[in-house]
Full PDB file with SEQRES, HELIX, SHEET, SSBOND, CRYST1, ORIGX, SCALE, CONECT and MASTER records, all heavy atoms in Angstrom:
SEQRES   1 A   32  LEU THR LEU LEU PRO GLN ASP GLU VAL PRO SER SER MET          
SEQRES   2 A   32  ILE GLY GLU MET VAL MET ASP SER LEU ARG GLU ILE ASP          
SEQRES   3 A   32  GLN VAL ALA TYR VAL ARG                                      
HELIX    1 AA1 SER A   11  ILE A   25  1                                  15    
HELIX    2 AA2 GLN A   27  VAL A   31  1                                   5    
CRYST1    1.000    1.000    1.000  90.00  90.00  90.00 P 1           1          
ORIGX1      1.000000  0.000000  0.000000        0.00000                         
ORIGX2      0.000000  1.000000  0.000000        0.00000                         
ORIGX3      0.000000  0.000000  1.000000        0.00000                         
SCALE1      1.000000  0.000000  0.000000        0.00000                         
SCALE2      0.000000  1.000000  0.000000        0.00000                         
SCALE3      0.000000  0.000000  1.000000        0.00000                         
ATOM      1  N   LEU A   1      -8.983   2.322  -2.526  1.00  0.00           N  
ATOM      2  CA  LEU A   1      -8.741   2.986  -3.864  1.00  0.00           C  
ATOM      3  C   LEU A   1     -10.013   3.444  -4.494  1.00  0.00           C  
ATOM      4  O   LEU A   1     -10.125   4.491  -5.089  1.00  0.00           O  
ATOM      5  CB  LEU A   1      -7.960   2.004  -4.768  1.00  0.00           C  
ATOM      6  CG  LEU A   1      -6.483   1.861  -4.341  1.00  0.00           C  
ATOM      7  CD1 LEU A   1      -5.894   0.687  -5.193  1.00  0.00           C  
ATOM      8  CD2 LEU A   1      -5.640   3.072  -4.403  1.00  0.00           C  
ATOM      9  N   THR A   2     -11.056   2.605  -4.410  1.00  0.00           N  
ATOM     10  CA  THR A   2     -12.327   2.951  -5.002  1.00  0.00           C  
ATOM     11  C   THR A   2     -12.958   4.067  -4.351  1.00  0.00           C  
ATOM     12  O   THR A   2     -13.850   4.760  -4.952  1.00  0.00           O  
ATOM     13  CB  THR A   2     -13.309   1.715  -5.085  1.00  0.00           C  
ATOM     14  OG1 THR A   2     -13.556   1.197  -3.760  1.00  0.00           O  
ATOM     15  CG2 THR A   2     -12.693   0.578  -5.972  1.00  0.00           C  
ATOM     16  N   LEU A   3     -12.627   4.240  -3.069  1.00  0.00           N  
ATOM     17  CA  LEU A   3     -13.366   5.342  -2.360  1.00  0.00           C  
ATOM     18  C   LEU A   3     -12.608   6.695  -2.538  1.00  0.00           C  
ATOM     19  O   LEU A   3     -13.177   7.775  -2.088  1.00  0.00           O  
ATOM     20  CB  LEU A   3     -13.351   5.008  -0.819  1.00  0.00           C  
ATOM     21  CG  LEU A   3     -14.300   3.880  -0.424  1.00  0.00           C  
ATOM     22  CD1 LEU A   3     -14.208   3.632   1.069  1.00  0.00           C  
ATOM     23  CD2 LEU A   3     -15.666   4.140  -0.893  1.00  0.00           C  
ATOM     24  N   LEU A   4     -11.415   6.691  -3.144  1.00  0.00           N  
ATOM     25  CA  LEU A   4     -10.672   7.941  -3.381  1.00  0.00           C  
ATOM     26  C   LEU A   4     -11.424   8.828  -4.350  1.00  0.00           C  
ATOM     27  O   LEU A   4     -12.071   8.293  -5.313  1.00  0.00           O  
ATOM     28  CB  LEU A   4      -9.252   7.600  -3.966  1.00  0.00           C  
ATOM     29  CG  LEU A   4      -8.338   6.982  -3.047  1.00  0.00           C  
ATOM     30  CD1 LEU A   4      -7.067   6.635  -3.819  1.00  0.00           C  
ATOM     31  CD2 LEU A   4      -7.970   7.877  -1.711  1.00  0.00           C  
ATOM     32  N   PRO A   5     -11.380  10.120  -4.227  1.00  0.00           N  
ATOM     33  CA  PRO A   5     -12.074  11.058  -5.121  1.00  0.00           C  
ATOM     34  C   PRO A   5     -11.479  11.104  -6.480  1.00  0.00           C  
ATOM     35  O   PRO A   5     -12.190  11.277  -7.552  1.00  0.00           O  
ATOM     36  CB  PRO A   5     -11.951  12.372  -4.541  1.00  0.00           C  
ATOM     37  CG  PRO A   5     -10.783  12.350  -3.522  1.00  0.00           C  
ATOM     38  CD  PRO A   5     -10.729  10.866  -3.154  1.00  0.00           C  
ATOM     39  N   GLN A   6     -10.186  10.790  -6.698  1.00  0.00           N  
ATOM     40  CA  GLN A   6      -9.570  10.785  -7.973  1.00  0.00           C  
ATOM     41  C   GLN A   6      -9.644   9.518  -8.691  1.00  0.00           C  
ATOM     42  O   GLN A   6      -9.739   8.479  -8.041  1.00  0.00           O  
ATOM     43  CB  GLN A   6      -8.125  11.337  -7.956  1.00  0.00           C  
ATOM     44  CG  GLN A   6      -7.177  10.414  -7.187  1.00  0.00           C  
ATOM     45  CD  GLN A   6      -6.995  10.646  -5.749  1.00  0.00           C  
ATOM     46  OE1 GLN A   6      -7.831  11.151  -5.084  1.00  0.00           O  
ATOM     47  NE2 GLN A   6      -5.773  10.279  -5.303  1.00  0.00           N  
ATOM     48  N   ASP A   7      -9.691   9.499  -9.932  1.00  0.00           N  
ATOM     49  CA  ASP A   7      -9.713   8.271 -10.844  1.00  0.00           C  
ATOM     50  C   ASP A   7      -8.406   7.650 -11.026  1.00  0.00           C  
ATOM     51  O   ASP A   7      -8.263   6.511 -11.503  1.00  0.00           O  
ATOM     52  CB  ASP A   7     -10.417   8.561 -12.144  1.00  0.00           C  
ATOM     53  CG  ASP A   7     -11.924   8.884 -11.931  1.00  0.00           C  
ATOM     54  OD1 ASP A   7     -12.435   8.507 -10.950  1.00  0.00           O  
ATOM     55  OD2 ASP A   7     -12.483   9.491 -12.844  1.00  0.00           O  
ATOM     56  N   GLU A   8      -7.377   8.407 -10.813  1.00  0.00           N  
ATOM     57  CA  GLU A   8      -5.937   7.988 -11.122  1.00  0.00           C  
ATOM     58  C   GLU A   8      -5.171   8.167  -9.880  1.00  0.00           C  
ATOM     59  O   GLU A   8      -5.165   9.183  -9.308  1.00  0.00           O  
ATOM     60  CB  GLU A   8      -5.355   8.884 -12.242  1.00  0.00           C  
ATOM     61  CG  GLU A   8      -4.022   8.416 -12.718  1.00  0.00           C  
ATOM     62  CD  GLU A   8      -3.722   9.291 -13.969  1.00  0.00           C  
ATOM     63  OE1 GLU A   8      -4.001   8.863 -15.125  1.00  0.00           O  
ATOM     64  OE2 GLU A   8      -2.903  10.271 -13.793  1.00  0.00           O  
ATOM     65  N   VAL A   9      -4.444   7.123  -9.531  1.00  0.00           N  
ATOM     66  CA  VAL A   9      -3.562   7.096  -8.381  1.00  0.00           C  
ATOM     67  C   VAL A   9      -2.095   6.716  -8.799  1.00  0.00           C  
ATOM     68  O   VAL A   9      -1.991   5.810  -9.725  1.00  0.00           O  
ATOM     69  CB  VAL A   9      -4.023   6.160  -7.192  1.00  0.00           C  
ATOM     70  CG1 VAL A   9      -5.364   6.622  -6.710  1.00  0.00           C  
ATOM     71  CG2 VAL A   9      -4.081   4.783  -7.694  1.00  0.00           C  
ATOM     72  N   PRO A  10      -1.141   7.287  -8.218  1.00  0.00           N  
ATOM     73  CA  PRO A  10       0.273   6.816  -8.410  1.00  0.00           C  
ATOM     74  C   PRO A  10       0.497   5.515  -7.906  1.00  0.00           C  
ATOM     75  O   PRO A  10       0.064   5.125  -6.848  1.00  0.00           O  
ATOM     76  CB  PRO A  10       1.121   7.854  -7.828  1.00  0.00           C  
ATOM     77  CG  PRO A  10       0.313   8.654  -6.838  1.00  0.00           C  
ATOM     78  CD  PRO A  10      -1.075   8.455  -7.319  1.00  0.00           C  
ATOM     79  N   SER A  11       1.338   4.641  -8.571  1.00  0.00           N  
ATOM     80  CA  SER A  11       1.664   3.376  -8.068  1.00  0.00           C  
ATOM     81  C   SER A  11       2.379   3.443  -6.632  1.00  0.00           C  
ATOM     82  O   SER A  11       2.206   2.524  -5.853  1.00  0.00           O  
ATOM     83  CB  SER A  11       2.552   2.624  -9.056  1.00  0.00           C  
ATOM     84  OG  SER A  11       3.757   3.299  -9.233  1.00  0.00           O  
ATOM     85  N   SER A  12       3.057   4.544  -6.343  1.00  0.00           N  
ATOM     86  CA  SER A  12       3.647   4.739  -5.082  1.00  0.00           C  
ATOM     87  C   SER A  12       2.738   4.734  -3.982  1.00  0.00           C  
ATOM     88  O   SER A  12       2.964   4.334  -2.926  1.00  0.00           O  
ATOM     89  CB  SER A  12       4.523   6.097  -5.115  1.00  0.00           C  
ATOM     90  OG  SER A  12       3.623   7.180  -5.370  1.00  0.00           O  
ATOM     91  N   MET A  13       1.537   5.311  -4.272  1.00  0.00           N  
ATOM     92  CA  MET A  13       0.448   5.276  -3.181  1.00  0.00           C  
ATOM     93  C   MET A  13       0.025   3.887  -2.866  1.00  0.00           C  
ATOM     94  O   MET A  13      -0.113   3.522  -1.664  1.00  0.00           O  
ATOM     95  CB  MET A  13      -0.724   6.136  -3.596  1.00  0.00           C  
ATOM     96  CG  MET A  13      -1.896   6.172  -2.569  1.00  0.00           C  
ATOM     97  SD  MET A  13      -3.379   6.943  -3.217  1.00  0.00           S  
ATOM     98  CE  MET A  13      -2.833   8.731  -3.125  1.00  0.00           C  
ATOM     99  N   ILE A  14      -0.130   3.069  -3.845  1.00  0.00           N  
ATOM    100  CA  ILE A  14      -0.489   1.705  -3.692  1.00  0.00           C  
ATOM    101  C   ILE A  14       0.576   0.906  -2.995  1.00  0.00           C  
ATOM    102  O   ILE A  14       0.367   0.120  -2.077  1.00  0.00           O  
ATOM    103  CB  ILE A  14      -0.880   1.056  -4.991  1.00  0.00           C  
ATOM    104  CG1 ILE A  14      -2.106   1.671  -5.606  1.00  0.00           C  
ATOM    105  CG2 ILE A  14      -1.165  -0.440  -4.811  1.00  0.00           C  
ATOM    106  CD1 ILE A  14      -2.384   1.305  -7.073  1.00  0.00           C  
ATOM    107  N   GLY A  15       1.782   1.230  -3.356  1.00  0.00           N  
ATOM    108  CA  GLY A  15       2.934   0.495  -2.787  1.00  0.00           C  
ATOM    109  C   GLY A  15       3.047   0.813  -1.246  1.00  0.00           C  
ATOM    110  O   GLY A  15       3.315  -0.026  -0.461  1.00  0.00           O  
ATOM    111  N   GLU A  16       2.839   2.100  -0.952  1.00  0.00           N  
ATOM    112  CA  GLU A  16       2.853   2.502   0.485  1.00  0.00           C  
ATOM    113  C   GLU A  16       1.746   1.869   1.320  1.00  0.00           C  
ATOM    114  O   GLU A  16       1.957   1.493   2.381  1.00  0.00           O  
ATOM    115  CB  GLU A  16       2.752   4.069   0.640  1.00  0.00           C  
ATOM    116  CG  GLU A  16       4.066   4.785   0.013  1.00  0.00           C  
ATOM    117  CD  GLU A  16       5.293   4.343   0.910  1.00  0.00           C  
ATOM    118  OE1 GLU A  16       5.254   4.138   2.082  1.00  0.00           O  
ATOM    119  OE2 GLU A  16       6.336   4.452   0.208  1.00  0.00           O  
ATOM    120  N   MET A  17       0.541   1.729   0.726  1.00  0.00           N  
ATOM    121  CA  MET A  17      -0.508   1.052   1.383  1.00  0.00           C  
ATOM    122  C   MET A  17      -0.197  -0.383   1.613  1.00  0.00           C  
ATOM    123  O   MET A  17      -0.512  -0.882   2.742  1.00  0.00           O  
ATOM    124  CB  MET A  17      -1.826   1.079   0.541  1.00  0.00           C  
ATOM    125  CG  MET A  17      -2.492   2.457   0.357  1.00  0.00           C  
ATOM    126  SD  MET A  17      -3.898   2.272  -0.688  1.00  0.00           S  
ATOM    127  CE  MET A  17      -4.652   3.880  -0.598  1.00  0.00           C  
ATOM    128  N   VAL A  18       0.415  -1.088   0.654  1.00  0.00           N  
ATOM    129  CA  VAL A  18       0.782  -2.485   0.853  1.00  0.00           C  
ATOM    130  C   VAL A  18       1.919  -2.607   1.983  1.00  0.00           C  
ATOM    131  O   VAL A  18       1.750  -3.387   2.883  1.00  0.00           O  
ATOM    132  CB  VAL A  18       1.315  -3.010  -0.460  1.00  0.00           C  
ATOM    133  CG1 VAL A  18       2.000  -4.480  -0.252  1.00  0.00           C  
ATOM    134  CG2 VAL A  18       0.291  -3.198  -1.481  1.00  0.00           C  
ATOM    135  N   MET A  19       2.820  -1.712   1.888  1.00  0.00           N  
ATOM    136  CA  MET A  19       3.895  -1.725   2.950  1.00  0.00           C  
ATOM    137  C   MET A  19       3.400  -1.464   4.310  1.00  0.00           C  
ATOM    138  O   MET A  19       3.791  -2.123   5.307  1.00  0.00           O  
ATOM    139  CB  MET A  19       5.019  -0.738   2.560  1.00  0.00           C  
ATOM    140  CG  MET A  19       5.897  -1.314   1.382  1.00  0.00           C  
ATOM    141  SD  MET A  19       7.459  -0.609   1.089  1.00  0.00           S  
ATOM    142  CE  MET A  19       7.054   1.078   0.900  1.00  0.00           C  
ATOM    143  N   ASP A  20       2.459  -0.583   4.443  1.00  0.00           N  
ATOM    144  CA  ASP A  20       1.939  -0.182   5.756  1.00  0.00           C  
ATOM    145  C   ASP A  20       1.176  -1.478   6.271  1.00  0.00           C  
ATOM    146  O   ASP A  20       1.283  -1.802   7.508  1.00  0.00           O  
ATOM    147  CB  ASP A  20       0.955   0.923   5.689  1.00  0.00           C  
ATOM    148  CG  ASP A  20       1.695   2.258   5.459  1.00  0.00           C  
ATOM    149  OD1 ASP A  20       2.829   2.347   5.723  1.00  0.00           O  
ATOM    150  OD2 ASP A  20       1.057   3.215   5.115  1.00  0.00           O  
ATOM    151  N   SER A  21       0.427  -2.164   5.430  1.00  0.00           N  
ATOM    152  CA  SER A  21      -0.268  -3.286   5.935  1.00  0.00           C  
ATOM    153  C   SER A  21       0.642  -4.467   6.177  1.00  0.00           C  
ATOM    154  O   SER A  21       0.466  -5.233   7.156  1.00  0.00           O  
ATOM    155  CB  SER A  21      -1.240  -3.756   4.715  1.00  0.00           C  
ATOM    156  OG  SER A  21      -2.278  -2.754   4.585  1.00  0.00           O  
ATOM    157  N   LEU A  22       1.696  -4.709   5.289  1.00  0.00           N  
ATOM    158  CA  LEU A  22       2.563  -5.815   5.551  1.00  0.00           C  
ATOM    159  C   LEU A  22       3.363  -5.632   6.862  1.00  0.00           C  
ATOM    160  O   LEU A  22       3.663  -6.532   7.520  1.00  0.00           O  
ATOM    161  CB  LEU A  22       3.474  -6.047   4.373  1.00  0.00           C  
ATOM    162  CG  LEU A  22       2.887  -6.690   3.117  1.00  0.00           C  
ATOM    163  CD1 LEU A  22       3.812  -6.795   2.032  1.00  0.00           C  
ATOM    164  CD2 LEU A  22       2.311  -8.138   3.468  1.00  0.00           C  
ATOM    165  N   ARG A  23       3.743  -4.365   7.102  1.00  0.00           N  
ATOM    166  CA  ARG A  23       4.486  -3.982   8.280  1.00  0.00           C  
ATOM    167  C   ARG A  23       3.726  -4.616   9.552  1.00  0.00           C  
ATOM    168  O   ARG A  23       4.353  -5.064  10.452  1.00  0.00           O  
ATOM    169  CB  ARG A  23       4.702  -2.573   8.494  1.00  0.00           C  
ATOM    170  CG  ARG A  23       5.568  -2.168   9.660  1.00  0.00           C  
ATOM    171  CD  ARG A  23       5.804  -0.663   9.744  1.00  0.00           C  
ATOM    172  NE  ARG A  23       6.613  -0.220   8.764  1.00  0.00           N  
ATOM    173  CZ  ARG A  23       6.303   0.696   7.835  1.00  0.00           C  
ATOM    174  NH1 ARG A  23       5.120   1.298   7.822  1.00  0.00           N  
ATOM    175  NH2 ARG A  23       7.114   1.124   6.911  1.00  0.00           N  
ATOM    176  N   GLU A  24       2.382  -4.517   9.532  1.00  0.00           N  
ATOM    177  CA  GLU A  24       1.588  -4.883  10.683  1.00  0.00           C  
ATOM    178  C   GLU A  24       1.479  -6.453  10.755  1.00  0.00           C  
ATOM    179  O   GLU A  24       1.282  -7.027  11.793  1.00  0.00           O  
ATOM    180  CB  GLU A  24       0.247  -4.302  10.542  1.00  0.00           C  
ATOM    181  CG  GLU A  24       0.144  -2.798  10.655  1.00  0.00           C  
ATOM    182  CD  GLU A  24       0.751  -2.210  11.915  1.00  0.00           C  
ATOM    183  OE1 GLU A  24       0.403  -2.806  12.969  1.00  0.00           O  
ATOM    184  OE2 GLU A  24       1.468  -1.226  11.887  1.00  0.00           O  
ATOM    185  N   ILE A  25       1.505  -7.119   9.531  1.00  0.00           N  
ATOM    186  CA  ILE A  25       1.195  -8.483   9.420  1.00  0.00           C  
ATOM    187  C   ILE A  25       2.447  -9.424   9.590  1.00  0.00           C  
ATOM    188  O   ILE A  25       2.502 -10.365  10.368  1.00  0.00           O  
ATOM    189  CB  ILE A  25       0.582  -8.850   8.077  1.00  0.00           C  
ATOM    190  CG1 ILE A  25      -0.882  -8.243   7.912  1.00  0.00           C  
ATOM    191  CG2 ILE A  25       0.487 -10.268   7.790  1.00  0.00           C  
ATOM    192  CD1 ILE A  25      -1.396  -8.186   6.510  1.00  0.00           C  
ATOM    193  N   ASP A  26       3.523  -9.113   8.904  1.00  0.00           N  
ATOM    194  CA  ASP A  26       4.709  -9.865   8.861  1.00  0.00           C  
ATOM    195  C   ASP A  26       5.922  -9.034   8.427  1.00  0.00           C  
ATOM    196  O   ASP A  26       5.915  -8.523   7.319  1.00  0.00           O  
ATOM    197  CB  ASP A  26       4.545 -11.100   7.956  1.00  0.00           C  
ATOM    198  CG  ASP A  26       5.668 -12.095   8.045  1.00  0.00           C  
ATOM    199  OD1 ASP A  26       6.739 -11.817   7.347  1.00  0.00           O  
ATOM    200  OD2 ASP A  26       5.458 -13.109   8.673  1.00  0.00           O  
ATOM    201  N   GLN A  27       6.953  -8.869   9.305  1.00  0.00           N  
ATOM    202  CA  GLN A  27       8.095  -8.080   8.988  1.00  0.00           C  
ATOM    203  C   GLN A  27       8.926  -8.539   7.893  1.00  0.00           C  
ATOM    204  O   GLN A  27       9.463  -7.740   7.121  1.00  0.00           O  
ATOM    205  CB  GLN A  27       8.910  -7.831  10.197  1.00  0.00           C  
ATOM    206  CG  GLN A  27       8.168  -6.950  11.227  1.00  0.00           C  
ATOM    207  CD  GLN A  27       9.011  -6.640  12.506  1.00  0.00           C  
ATOM    208  OE1 GLN A  27      10.013  -7.156  12.717  1.00  0.00           O  
ATOM    209  NE2 GLN A  27       8.571  -5.607  13.214  1.00  0.00           N  
ATOM    210  N   VAL A  28       9.067  -9.862   7.714  1.00  0.00           N  
ATOM    211  CA  VAL A  28       9.870 -10.490   6.670  1.00  0.00           C  
ATOM    212  C   VAL A  28       9.163 -10.181   5.321  1.00  0.00           C  
ATOM    213  O   VAL A  28       9.853  -9.754   4.364  1.00  0.00           O  
ATOM    214  CB  VAL A  28      10.093 -12.029   6.814  1.00  0.00           C  
ATOM    215  CG1 VAL A  28      10.772 -12.549   5.608  1.00  0.00           C  
ATOM    216  CG2 VAL A  28      10.920 -12.194   8.056  1.00  0.00           C  
ATOM    217  N   ALA A  29       7.868 -10.345   5.237  1.00  0.00           N  
ATOM    218  CA  ALA A  29       7.098 -10.053   4.056  1.00  0.00           C  
ATOM    219  C   ALA A  29       7.295  -8.538   3.725  1.00  0.00           C  
ATOM    220  O   ALA A  29       7.434  -8.161   2.508  1.00  0.00           O  
ATOM    221  CB  ALA A  29       5.634 -10.485   4.084  1.00  0.00           C  
ATOM    222  N   TYR A  30       7.192  -7.734   4.724  1.00  0.00           N  
ATOM    223  CA  TYR A  30       7.335  -6.318   4.525  1.00  0.00           C  
ATOM    224  C   TYR A  30       8.713  -5.940   3.938  1.00  0.00           C  
ATOM    225  O   TYR A  30       8.734  -5.239   2.918  1.00  0.00           O  
ATOM    226  CB  TYR A  30       7.183  -5.518   5.845  1.00  0.00           C  
ATOM    227  CG  TYR A  30       7.692  -4.182   5.796  1.00  0.00           C  
ATOM    228  CD1 TYR A  30       6.939  -3.209   5.224  1.00  0.00           C  
ATOM    229  CD2 TYR A  30       8.930  -3.839   6.342  1.00  0.00           C  
ATOM    230  CE1 TYR A  30       7.471  -1.853   5.208  1.00  0.00           C  
ATOM    231  CE2 TYR A  30       9.481  -2.496   6.302  1.00  0.00           C  
ATOM    232  CZ  TYR A  30       8.691  -1.607   5.722  1.00  0.00           C  
ATOM    233  OH  TYR A  30       9.191  -0.276   5.646  1.00  0.00           O  
ATOM    234  N   VAL A  31       9.800  -6.508   4.452  1.00  0.00           N  
ATOM    235  CA  VAL A  31      11.111  -6.278   3.954  1.00  0.00           C  
ATOM    236  C   VAL A  31      11.290  -6.803   2.560  1.00  0.00           C  
ATOM    237  O   VAL A  31      11.864  -6.090   1.667  1.00  0.00           O  
ATOM    238  CB  VAL A  31      12.161  -6.744   4.839  1.00  0.00           C  
ATOM    239  CG1 VAL A  31      13.566  -6.660   4.207  1.00  0.00           C  
ATOM    240  CG2 VAL A  31      12.155  -6.079   6.236  1.00  0.00           C  
ATOM    241  N   ARG A  32      10.706  -7.901   2.272  1.00  0.00           N  
ATOM    242  CA  ARG A  32      10.740  -8.453   0.920  1.00  0.00           C  
ATOM    243  C   ARG A  32      10.002  -7.516  -0.201  1.00  0.00           C  
ATOM    244  O   ARG A  32      10.628  -7.239  -1.208  1.00  0.00           O  
ATOM    245  CB  ARG A  32      10.084  -9.807   0.792  1.00  0.00           C  
ATOM    246  CG  ARG A  32      10.851 -10.978   1.366  1.00  0.00           C  
ATOM    247  CD  ARG A  32       9.978 -12.187   1.293  1.00  0.00           C  
ATOM    248  NE  ARG A  32      10.808 -13.383   1.758  1.00  0.00           N  
ATOM    249  CZ  ARG A  32      10.145 -14.459   2.021  1.00  0.00           C  
ATOM    250  NH1 ARG A  32       8.888 -14.724   1.765  1.00  0.00           N  
ATOM    251  NH2 ARG A  32      10.945 -15.530   2.489  1.00  0.00           N  
TER     252      ARG A  32                                                      
MASTER        0    0    0    2    0    0    0    6  251    1    0    3          
END                                                                             
């Protein structure tokens, strides 16, 4: 997020980043 050129990001972008990471770590946590 700090490396992005824009100062404002939609919460949906952060949510997708979290889900992409959780999908790789733990599928139950991802679904939750």
